[in-house]
Structures are given as C-alpha cells and as structure tokens.
Amino acid sequence: MKYADIHFPDVANGPGIRVSLFVSGCTHGCPECFNQEAWDFNYGKDFTENTVQEILQMCEDPADGLTLLGGEPLHPKNQQAVYALAKAYKAHFPHKTLWCFTGYTLEEVLDTGFGTPVKMDLLKLIDVLVDGRFQKELKDIRLKFRGSANQRLIDLPATLGKGTVQLWGN
C-alpha cells in the first residue's frame, strides 16, 4: 500500500486532536473530491512497518485518536495494510478512538462478495465509520465530520452488536 500523507495535529476528521492517515488508491471518482491526487494507488510513499511505528508514536498524548481516510482505506487493495495498522493501534491505545472514512456504504462493505479475509476483523477495530460517497449536490459545510448529507457517522461496535445501523452521537 502507499499513502498520500499523515496529518498531525488534525482537528477536522473526528473529535479532539487526531492523527490522520490518508491512504492512496480510490476508484469512486467522486466529483469535487478534496483529495483527487490520492485516487492513484501508486501515489505517495510506501506504507511500511516504519510508517506504522511513526504513526503509533504520533498517537501518544496529546492525540485523542487515529483517523483513516484517503483515497479509500477500505478498498480491498488497502485492507491488509490498514488492518495491520488498526490492530497495532488498538493494541497500544485500547481507549483511544479509531475513525475510518469510506466512500462505500456499510452495506456495500458488509456484502459477502466484497473485500478480503481481514475485512470483518478490521471493522471490529473501528469505532466510527463515516460511510458513503461524497455527493456534491448534497454538500453542506455545516455538517460535522462529513461533506455531504448522505454520509453517515456510524457507531460501528454498536451496529455490529445489534445488527442494525446505530448512528454515532445520537
């Protein structure tokens, strides 16, 4: 996997002070995407074990959490590397939050034909999933932590436990 950038501190992509990893590679092609350069799976730097260690170090205090976005962190080509990072992060910081932004809907991700063998293990590590493609006709700059009204902030542990979508912050 490649990544486009790591931001710290980031206060726009989840609550508190966060470390944000922008992975490379996305096939959605959303009009007016804020990060079009990251659509290319070959854009940016190689994601290595050193990158994981760098991110974990950044996640020490005062960071409140880690956010994964892109590009597309849940694209099948990125799932294995994203899972390895998420697993290491949760092992080091079990009480800090992990957010993930995806252009897929949760229903698309949960489809049995989608993804890799680590997909469900990865989802179980994510606290909040912001799902859905950015839709410019639904753009609303007043929305917190998302760009368009179709996108949902999903409390993923509650959703996986109950079997129905549970929104975060409700």
N, C-alpha and C. Protein backbone atom coordinates (compact mmCIF):
# COMPACT_ATOMS: atom_id res chain seq x y z
N MET A 1 0.84 -1.17 0.00
CA MET A 1 0.00 0.00 0.00
C MET A 1 0.89 1.24 0.00
N LYS A 2 0.35 2.29 -0.55
CA LYS A 2 1.00 3.59 -0.50
C LYS A 2 0.10 4.54 0.28
N TYR A 3 0.70 5.62 0.76
CA TYR A 3 -0.11 6.62 1.44
C TYR A 3 0.28 8.01 0.93
N ALA A 4 -0.72 8.88 0.94
CA ALA A 4 -0.53 10.23 0.43
C ALA A 4 0.06 11.16 1.48
N ASP A 5 -0.40 11.03 2.74
CA ASP A 5 0.05 11.95 3.76
C ASP A 5 -0.35 11.47 5.15
N ILE A 6 0.31 12.01 6.15
CA ILE A 6 -0.06 11.84 7.55
C ILE A 6 -0.18 13.23 8.13
N HIS A 7 -1.33 13.53 8.73
CA HIS A 7 -1.55 14.85 9.35
C HIS A 7 -1.57 14.72 10.87
N PHE A 8 -0.82 15.58 11.53
CA PHE A 8 -0.89 15.71 12.99
C PHE A 8 -0.41 17.10 13.35
N PRO A 9 -1.15 17.85 14.09
CA PRO A 9 -2.48 17.54 14.62
C PRO A 9 -3.57 17.81 13.58
N ASP A 10 -4.63 17.03 13.66
CA ASP A 10 -5.78 17.19 12.79
C ASP A 10 -7.01 17.32 13.68
N VAL A 11 -7.77 18.37 13.50
CA VAL A 11 -8.98 18.58 14.31
C VAL A 11 -10.24 18.56 13.45
N ALA A 12 -10.11 18.19 12.17
CA ALA A 12 -11.24 18.23 11.25
C ALA A 12 -11.85 16.86 10.98
N ASN A 13 -11.13 15.78 11.25
CA ASN A 13 -11.57 14.46 10.83
C ASN A 13 -11.86 13.53 12.00
N GLY A 14 -12.65 14.05 12.93
CA GLY A 14 -13.02 13.31 14.12
C GLY A 14 -12.85 14.21 15.33
N PRO A 15 -13.37 13.77 16.47
CA PRO A 15 -13.33 14.61 17.67
C PRO A 15 -11.93 14.70 18.28
N GLY A 16 -11.64 15.86 18.83
CA GLY A 16 -10.37 16.04 19.53
C GLY A 16 -9.21 16.24 18.59
N ILE A 17 -8.02 15.99 19.13
CA ILE A 17 -6.77 16.10 18.38
C ILE A 17 -6.44 14.72 17.84
N ARG A 18 -6.29 14.62 16.51
CA ARG A 18 -6.14 13.31 15.89
C ARG A 18 -4.91 13.24 15.01
N VAL A 19 -4.49 12.02 14.76
CA VAL A 19 -3.52 11.70 13.72
C VAL A 19 -4.36 11.15 12.57
N SER A 20 -4.15 11.66 11.36
CA SER A 20 -4.92 11.19 10.21
C SER A 20 -3.99 10.64 9.14
N LEU A 21 -4.28 9.42 8.72
CA LEU A 21 -3.55 8.78 7.64
C LEU A 21 -4.41 8.81 6.38
N PHE A 22 -3.87 9.42 5.33
CA PHE A 22 -4.53 9.48 4.03
C PHE A 22 -3.91 8.41 3.14
N VAL A 23 -4.61 7.29 2.97
CA VAL A 23 -4.09 6.21 2.13
C VAL A 23 -4.26 6.57 0.66
N SER A 24 -3.50 5.91 -0.19
CA SER A 24 -3.62 6.12 -1.63
C SER A 24 -4.48 5.02 -2.25
N GLY A 25 -5.19 5.40 -3.29
CA GLY A 25 -6.00 4.46 -4.05
C GLY A 25 -7.47 4.59 -3.77
N CYS A 26 -8.21 4.95 -4.83
CA CYS A 26 -9.67 5.06 -4.72
C CYS A 26 -10.25 4.94 -6.11
N THR A 27 -11.33 4.21 -6.23
CA THR A 27 -11.98 4.02 -7.53
C THR A 27 -13.34 4.70 -7.60
N HIS A 28 -13.74 5.44 -6.58
CA HIS A 28 -15.07 6.07 -6.57
C HIS A 28 -15.18 7.24 -7.55
N GLY A 29 -14.15 8.07 -7.65
CA GLY A 29 -14.18 9.21 -8.56
C GLY A 29 -15.25 10.23 -8.24
N CYS A 30 -15.45 10.54 -6.97
CA CYS A 30 -16.49 11.50 -6.57
C CYS A 30 -16.18 12.89 -7.14
N PRO A 31 -17.14 13.51 -7.82
CA PRO A 31 -16.94 14.87 -8.32
C PRO A 31 -16.64 15.82 -7.15
N GLU A 32 -15.68 16.70 -7.35
CA GLU A 32 -15.24 17.69 -6.36
C GLU A 32 -14.60 17.05 -5.12
N CYS A 33 -14.07 15.86 -5.27
CA CYS A 33 -13.31 15.23 -4.19
C CYS A 33 -12.20 16.17 -3.75
N PHE A 34 -11.99 16.28 -2.45
CA PHE A 34 -10.95 17.18 -1.92
C PHE A 34 -9.55 16.59 -2.03
N ASN A 35 -9.45 15.32 -2.43
CA ASN A 35 -8.15 14.64 -2.39
C ASN A 35 -7.95 13.78 -3.64
N GLN A 36 -8.18 14.37 -4.82
CA GLN A 36 -8.12 13.60 -6.07
C GLN A 36 -6.75 12.98 -6.34
N GLU A 37 -5.68 13.62 -5.90
CA GLU A 37 -4.35 13.04 -6.15
C GLU A 37 -4.20 11.67 -5.50
N ALA A 38 -4.96 11.41 -4.44
CA ALA A 38 -4.88 10.13 -3.74
C ALA A 38 -5.71 9.04 -4.40
N TRP A 39 -6.36 9.31 -5.53
CA TRP A 39 -7.09 8.26 -6.24
C TRP A 39 -6.13 7.20 -6.80
N ASP A 40 -4.93 7.62 -7.14
CA ASP A 40 -3.94 6.74 -7.76
C ASP A 40 -3.32 5.82 -6.69
N PHE A 41 -3.43 4.52 -6.90
CA PHE A 41 -2.88 3.56 -5.93
C PHE A 41 -1.36 3.65 -5.82
N ASN A 42 -0.70 4.25 -6.80
CA ASN A 42 0.76 4.38 -6.78
C ASN A 42 1.22 5.75 -6.31
N TYR A 43 0.32 6.60 -5.86
CA TYR A 43 0.67 7.95 -5.42
C TYR A 43 1.25 7.90 -4.00
N GLY A 44 2.27 8.69 -3.76
CA GLY A 44 2.77 8.87 -2.41
C GLY A 44 3.92 7.97 -2.04
N LYS A 45 3.97 7.68 -0.74
CA LYS A 45 5.09 6.93 -0.16
C LYS A 45 4.67 5.50 0.16
N ASP A 46 5.65 4.61 0.23
CA ASP A 46 5.38 3.23 0.62
C ASP A 46 4.97 3.18 2.09
N PHE A 47 3.94 2.40 2.37
CA PHE A 47 3.49 2.18 3.73
C PHE A 47 4.25 0.98 4.27
N THR A 48 5.10 1.21 5.27
CA THR A 48 5.98 0.17 5.80
C THR A 48 5.77 0.01 7.31
N GLU A 49 6.48 -0.93 7.89
CA GLU A 49 6.46 -1.08 9.35
C GLU A 49 6.98 0.18 10.02
N ASN A 50 7.93 0.86 9.41
CA ASN A 50 8.41 2.13 9.96
C ASN A 50 7.30 3.17 9.97
N THR A 51 6.44 3.16 8.95
CA THR A 51 5.30 4.08 8.91
C THR A 51 4.36 3.79 10.06
N VAL A 52 4.10 2.51 10.31
CA VAL A 52 3.23 2.12 11.43
C VAL A 52 3.82 2.64 12.74
N GLN A 53 5.12 2.45 12.95
CA GLN A 53 5.76 2.91 14.18
C GLN A 53 5.71 4.44 14.31
N GLU A 54 5.90 5.14 13.21
CA GLU A 54 5.81 6.60 13.20
C GLU A 54 4.41 7.07 13.60
N ILE A 55 3.39 6.41 13.05
CA ILE A 55 2.01 6.77 13.39
C ILE A 55 1.72 6.48 14.85
N LEU A 56 2.15 5.32 15.34
CA LEU A 56 1.92 4.98 16.75
C LEU A 56 2.59 6.00 17.67
N GLN A 57 3.78 6.44 17.32
CA GLN A 57 4.46 7.46 18.13
C GLN A 57 3.67 8.77 18.12
N MET A 58 3.15 9.16 16.96
CA MET A 58 2.35 10.38 16.88
C MET A 58 1.07 10.27 17.70
N CYS A 59 0.57 9.05 17.88
CA CYS A 59 -0.70 8.84 18.59
C CYS A 59 -0.56 8.91 20.11
N GLU A 60 0.66 9.05 20.61
CA GLU A 60 0.83 9.27 22.06
C GLU A 60 0.12 10.57 22.43
N ASP A 61 -0.02 10.82 23.72
CA ASP A 61 -0.63 12.08 24.16
C ASP A 61 0.10 13.25 23.55
N PRO A 62 -0.58 14.28 23.09
CA PRO A 62 -1.96 14.65 23.36
C PRO A 62 -2.98 14.13 22.35
N ALA A 63 -2.61 13.25 21.43
CA ALA A 63 -3.56 12.76 20.43
C ALA A 63 -4.70 12.01 21.10
N ASP A 64 -5.92 12.28 20.62
CA ASP A 64 -7.11 11.60 21.13
C ASP A 64 -7.49 10.38 20.31
N GLY A 65 -6.95 10.29 19.08
CA GLY A 65 -7.32 9.16 18.24
C GLY A 65 -6.66 9.19 16.89
N LEU A 66 -6.97 8.16 16.13
CA LEU A 66 -6.44 7.96 14.78
C LEU A 66 -7.61 7.93 13.81
N THR A 67 -7.43 8.61 12.66
CA THR A 67 -8.43 8.60 11.61
C THR A 67 -7.80 8.07 10.32
N LEU A 68 -8.53 7.19 9.64
CA LEU A 68 -8.10 6.61 8.37
C LEU A 68 -8.99 7.16 7.27
N LEU A 69 -8.38 7.75 6.25
CA LEU A 69 -9.14 8.25 5.12
C LEU A 69 -8.28 8.18 3.88
N GLY A 70 -8.69 8.83 2.84
CA GLY A 70 -7.91 8.63 1.64
C GLY A 70 -8.16 9.63 0.56
N GLY A 71 -8.01 9.01 -0.57
CA GLY A 71 -8.07 7.65 -1.06
C GLY A 71 -9.21 6.87 -0.40
N GLU A 72 -9.03 5.56 -0.39
CA GLU A 72 -10.07 4.67 0.14
C GLU A 72 -9.44 3.59 1.02
N PRO A 73 -9.50 3.78 2.36
CA PRO A 73 -8.89 2.79 3.25
C PRO A 73 -9.53 1.42 3.20
N LEU A 74 -10.81 1.33 2.82
CA LEU A 74 -11.46 0.02 2.81
C LEU A 74 -11.45 -0.65 1.44
N HIS A 75 -10.77 -0.06 0.47
CA HIS A 75 -10.65 -0.75 -0.82
C HIS A 75 -9.92 -2.07 -0.55
N PRO A 76 -10.34 -3.15 -1.21
CA PRO A 76 -9.68 -4.44 -0.96
C PRO A 76 -8.16 -4.41 -1.10
N LYS A 77 -7.62 -3.59 -1.98
CA LYS A 77 -6.16 -3.50 -2.12
C LYS A 77 -5.50 -2.90 -0.88
N ASN A 78 -6.24 -2.16 -0.08
CA ASN A 78 -5.68 -1.50 1.10
C ASN A 78 -6.01 -2.18 2.41
N GLN A 79 -6.94 -3.11 2.40
CA GLN A 79 -7.45 -3.67 3.66
C GLN A 79 -6.38 -4.34 4.52
N GLN A 80 -5.49 -5.10 3.94
CA GLN A 80 -4.50 -5.82 4.75
C GLN A 80 -3.59 -4.86 5.50
N ALA A 81 -3.07 -3.84 4.82
CA ALA A 81 -2.18 -2.88 5.48
C ALA A 81 -2.93 -2.03 6.49
N VAL A 82 -4.15 -1.63 6.16
CA VAL A 82 -4.96 -0.84 7.09
C VAL A 82 -5.29 -1.68 8.32
N TYR A 83 -5.60 -2.95 8.12
CA TYR A 83 -5.87 -3.83 9.25
C TYR A 83 -4.64 -3.96 10.16
N ALA A 84 -3.47 -4.13 9.59
CA ALA A 84 -2.25 -4.25 10.39
C ALA A 84 -2.03 -3.00 11.24
N LEU A 85 -2.26 -1.83 10.67
CA LEU A 85 -2.14 -0.58 11.43
C LEU A 85 -3.20 -0.52 12.52
N ALA A 86 -4.45 -0.79 12.18
CA ALA A 86 -5.54 -0.71 13.15
C ALA A 86 -5.31 -1.67 14.31
N LYS A 87 -4.84 -2.87 14.02
CA LYS A 87 -4.57 -3.86 15.07
C LYS A 87 -3.46 -3.38 16.01
N ALA A 88 -2.38 -2.84 15.44
CA ALA A 88 -1.28 -2.32 16.26
C ALA A 88 -1.75 -1.12 17.08
N TYR A 89 -2.53 -0.25 16.46
CA TYR A 89 -3.03 0.93 17.15
C TYR A 89 -3.90 0.54 18.34
N LYS A 90 -4.86 -0.36 18.14
CA LYS A 90 -5.75 -0.75 19.23
C LYS A 90 -5.00 -1.51 20.33
N ALA A 91 -3.94 -2.23 19.97
CA ALA A 91 -3.13 -2.91 20.98
C ALA A 91 -2.40 -1.90 21.86
N HIS A 92 -1.92 -0.82 21.27
CA HIS A 92 -1.21 0.22 22.01
C HIS A 92 -2.14 1.20 22.71
N PHE A 93 -3.28 1.47 22.10
CA PHE A 93 -4.18 2.52 22.60
C PHE A 93 -5.62 2.01 22.65
N PRO A 94 -5.91 1.05 23.54
CA PRO A 94 -7.26 0.46 23.54
C PRO A 94 -8.37 1.45 23.92
N HIS A 95 -8.03 2.56 24.55
CA HIS A 95 -9.06 3.51 24.98
C HIS A 95 -9.16 4.73 24.08
N LYS A 96 -8.35 4.79 23.04
CA LYS A 96 -8.43 5.90 22.08
C LYS A 96 -9.25 5.43 20.88
N THR A 97 -9.86 6.39 20.21
CA THR A 97 -10.78 6.03 19.14
C THR A 97 -10.09 5.89 17.79
N LEU A 98 -10.69 5.02 16.98
CA LEU A 98 -10.26 4.81 15.59
C LEU A 98 -11.45 5.14 14.70
N TRP A 99 -11.29 6.14 13.85
CA TRP A 99 -12.31 6.53 12.89
C TRP A 99 -11.84 6.13 11.50
N CYS A 100 -12.79 5.82 10.63
CA CYS A 100 -12.48 5.49 9.25
C CYS A 100 -13.51 6.13 8.34
N PHE A 101 -13.03 6.86 7.34
CA PHE A 101 -13.89 7.44 6.31
C PHE A 101 -13.82 6.56 5.08
N THR A 102 -14.98 6.19 4.54
CA THR A 102 -15.03 5.36 3.35
C THR A 102 -16.10 5.87 2.40
N GLY A 103 -15.84 5.75 1.12
CA GLY A 103 -16.85 6.08 0.12
C GLY A 103 -17.86 4.97 -0.08
N TYR A 104 -17.57 3.79 0.42
CA TYR A 104 -18.52 2.70 0.38
C TYR A 104 -19.57 2.90 1.46
N THR A 105 -20.76 2.39 1.25
CA THR A 105 -21.72 2.34 2.35
C THR A 105 -21.38 1.12 3.20
N LEU A 106 -21.83 1.14 4.43
CA LEU A 106 -21.60 -0.02 5.29
C LEU A 106 -22.19 -1.27 4.67
N GLU A 107 -23.34 -1.13 4.04
CA GLU A 107 -23.98 -2.28 3.42
C GLU A 107 -23.11 -2.86 2.30
N GLU A 108 -22.45 -2.00 1.53
CA GLU A 108 -21.54 -2.48 0.48
C GLU A 108 -20.35 -3.21 1.10
N VAL A 109 -19.81 -2.66 2.17
CA VAL A 109 -18.65 -3.29 2.82
C VAL A 109 -19.03 -4.64 3.41
N LEU A 110 -20.22 -4.73 3.99
CA LEU A 110 -20.65 -5.99 4.62
C LEU A 110 -21.05 -7.05 3.61
N ASP A 111 -21.26 -6.69 2.36
CA ASP A 111 -21.63 -7.66 1.34
C ASP A 111 -20.60 -8.79 1.32
N THR A 112 -21.07 -10.01 1.26
CA THR A 112 -20.16 -11.16 1.34
C THR A 112 -19.18 -11.23 0.18
N GLY A 113 -19.49 -10.62 -0.95
CA GLY A 113 -18.58 -10.64 -2.08
C GLY A 113 -17.54 -9.55 -2.07
N PHE A 114 -17.58 -8.68 -1.07
CA PHE A 114 -16.67 -7.54 -1.01
C PHE A 114 -15.52 -7.81 -0.05
N GLY A 115 -14.32 -7.44 -0.48
CA GLY A 115 -13.22 -7.37 0.46
C GLY A 115 -12.34 -8.60 0.54
N THR A 116 -11.59 -8.65 1.62
CA THR A 116 -10.58 -9.68 1.84
C THR A 116 -10.89 -10.42 3.14
N PRO A 117 -10.16 -11.50 3.44
CA PRO A 117 -10.43 -12.24 4.68
C PRO A 117 -10.29 -11.42 5.96
N VAL A 118 -9.58 -10.28 5.94
CA VAL A 118 -9.41 -9.49 7.17
C VAL A 118 -10.51 -8.44 7.36
N LYS A 119 -11.42 -8.34 6.39
CA LYS A 119 -12.43 -7.27 6.42
C LYS A 119 -13.18 -7.19 7.75
N MET A 120 -13.74 -8.28 8.22
CA MET A 120 -14.54 -8.24 9.45
C MET A 120 -13.67 -7.95 10.67
N ASP A 121 -12.46 -8.49 10.69
CA ASP A 121 -11.55 -8.20 11.80
C ASP A 121 -11.21 -6.71 11.83
N LEU A 122 -11.03 -6.12 10.66
CA LEU A 122 -10.77 -4.68 10.57
C LEU A 122 -11.97 -3.88 11.06
N LEU A 123 -13.16 -4.23 10.60
CA LEU A 123 -14.36 -3.49 11.01
C LEU A 123 -14.56 -3.53 12.53
N LYS A 124 -14.21 -4.64 13.15
CA LYS A 124 -14.38 -4.78 14.60
C LYS A 124 -13.45 -3.85 15.39
N LEU A 125 -12.41 -3.31 14.74
CA LEU A 125 -11.47 -2.40 15.41
C LEU A 125 -11.86 -0.93 15.25
N ILE A 126 -12.77 -0.63 14.34
CA ILE A 126 -13.16 0.75 14.03
C ILE A 126 -14.27 1.19 14.96
N ASP A 127 -14.11 2.35 15.57
CA ASP A 127 -15.13 2.88 16.48
C ASP A 127 -16.22 3.63 15.72
N VAL A 128 -15.82 4.49 14.78
CA VAL A 128 -16.79 5.24 13.99
C VAL A 128 -16.43 5.11 12.53
N LEU A 129 -17.42 4.71 11.73
CA LEU A 129 -17.27 4.61 10.29
C LEU A 129 -18.11 5.73 9.66
N VAL A 130 -17.44 6.60 8.91
CA VAL A 130 -18.14 7.63 8.15
C VAL A 130 -18.27 7.06 6.75
N ASP A 131 -19.51 6.73 6.36
CA ASP A 131 -19.68 5.99 5.11
C ASP A 131 -20.40 6.80 4.04
N GLY A 132 -20.24 6.36 2.81
CA GLY A 132 -20.95 6.94 1.67
C GLY A 132 -20.08 7.86 0.84
N ARG A 133 -20.33 7.82 -0.46
CA ARG A 133 -19.58 8.68 -1.38
C ARG A 133 -19.97 10.14 -1.18
N PHE A 134 -19.00 11.03 -1.34
CA PHE A 134 -19.30 12.45 -1.33
C PHE A 134 -20.18 12.77 -2.54
N GLN A 135 -21.29 13.46 -2.29
CA GLN A 135 -22.20 13.86 -3.37
C GLN A 135 -22.30 15.38 -3.36
N LYS A 136 -21.77 16.00 -4.42
CA LYS A 136 -21.68 17.46 -4.44
C LYS A 136 -23.05 18.12 -4.35
N GLU A 137 -24.10 17.49 -4.86
CA GLU A 137 -25.44 18.09 -4.77
C GLU A 137 -25.99 18.05 -3.34
N LEU A 138 -25.38 17.25 -2.47
CA LEU A 138 -25.78 17.18 -1.06
C LEU A 138 -24.74 17.80 -0.14
N LYS A 139 -23.78 18.53 -0.71
CA LYS A 139 -22.73 19.16 0.07
C LYS A 139 -23.34 20.16 1.06
N ASP A 140 -22.84 20.12 2.28
CA ASP A 140 -23.32 21.02 3.33
C ASP A 140 -22.14 21.27 4.28
N ILE A 141 -21.58 22.46 4.23
CA ILE A 141 -20.41 22.77 5.06
C ILE A 141 -20.73 22.86 6.54
N ARG A 142 -22.01 22.86 6.89
CA ARG A 142 -22.40 22.89 8.30
C ARG A 142 -22.37 21.52 8.96
N LEU A 143 -22.27 20.46 8.17
CA LEU A 143 -22.25 19.11 8.72
C LEU A 143 -20.93 18.85 9.44
N LYS A 144 -21.03 18.21 10.57
CA LYS A 144 -19.85 17.88 11.34
C LYS A 144 -19.24 16.57 10.85
N PHE A 145 -17.96 16.60 10.55
CA PHE A 145 -17.17 15.42 10.19
C PHE A 145 -17.61 14.72 8.90
N ARG A 146 -18.27 15.43 8.01
CA ARG A 146 -18.62 14.84 6.72
C ARG A 146 -18.94 15.95 5.74
N GLY A 147 -18.88 15.64 4.46
CA GLY A 147 -19.04 16.66 3.44
C GLY A 147 -20.40 16.75 2.81
N SER A 148 -21.16 15.63 2.80
CA SER A 148 -22.48 15.66 2.18
C SER A 148 -23.49 14.94 3.05
N ALA A 149 -24.75 15.34 2.90
CA ALA A 149 -25.81 14.88 3.80
C ALA A 149 -26.10 13.39 3.73
N ASN A 150 -25.70 12.71 2.67
CA ASN A 150 -25.93 11.27 2.58
C ASN A 150 -24.97 10.47 3.44
N GLN A 151 -23.87 11.06 3.85
CA GLN A 151 -22.87 10.32 4.61
C GLN A 151 -23.33 10.16 6.07
N ARG A 152 -23.05 8.99 6.62
CA ARG A 152 -23.47 8.68 7.98
C ARG A 152 -22.27 8.52 8.90
N LEU A 153 -22.44 8.91 10.15
CA LEU A 153 -21.46 8.67 11.20
C LEU A 153 -21.98 7.48 11.99
N ILE A 154 -21.38 6.32 11.75
CA ILE A 154 -21.90 5.07 12.30
C ILE A 154 -21.06 4.61 13.49
N ASP A 155 -21.75 4.36 14.60
CA ASP A 155 -21.12 3.74 15.77
C ASP A 155 -20.97 2.26 15.41
N LEU A 156 -19.78 1.89 14.97
CA LEU A 156 -19.61 0.55 14.41
C LEU A 156 -19.70 -0.57 15.44
N PRO A 157 -19.14 -0.45 16.65
CA PRO A 157 -19.33 -1.54 17.62
C PRO A 157 -20.80 -1.78 17.94
N ALA A 158 -21.57 -0.71 18.14
CA ALA A 158 -23.00 -0.86 18.43
C ALA A 158 -23.74 -1.46 17.24
N THR A 159 -23.39 -1.02 16.05
CA THR A 159 -24.03 -1.53 14.83
C THR A 159 -23.75 -3.01 14.63
N LEU A 160 -22.50 -3.42 14.78
CA LEU A 160 -22.17 -4.83 14.61
C LEU A 160 -22.81 -5.68 15.71
N GLY A 161 -22.94 -5.12 16.90
CA GLY A 161 -23.56 -5.85 18.01
C GLY A 161 -25.06 -6.02 17.85
N LYS A 162 -25.74 -4.99 17.33
CA LYS A 162 -27.20 -5.03 17.21
C LYS A 162 -27.68 -5.52 15.85
N GLY A 163 -26.81 -5.46 14.84
CA GLY A 163 -27.21 -5.90 13.52
C GLY A 163 -28.00 -4.87 12.72
N THR A 164 -28.16 -3.67 13.27
CA THR A 164 -28.79 -2.56 12.56
C THR A 164 -27.93 -1.32 12.77
N VAL A 165 -27.96 -0.41 11.81
CA VAL A 165 -27.13 0.78 11.87
C VAL A 165 -27.48 1.63 13.08
N GLN A 166 -26.47 1.92 13.87
CA GLN A 166 -26.58 2.80 15.04
C GLN A 166 -25.69 4.02 14.77
N LEU A 167 -26.30 5.19 14.72
CA LEU A 167 -25.54 6.38 14.41
C LEU A 167 -24.76 6.87 15.63
N TRP A 168 -23.58 7.39 15.37
CA TRP A 168 -22.73 7.96 16.41
C TRP A 168 -23.28 9.33 16.79
N GLY A 169 -23.25 9.63 18.06
CA GLY A 169 -23.67 10.94 18.55
C GLY A 169 -25.16 11.07 18.77
N ASN A 170 -25.91 10.00 18.61
CA ASN A 170 -27.36 10.06 18.86
C ASN A 170 -27.70 9.46 20.21
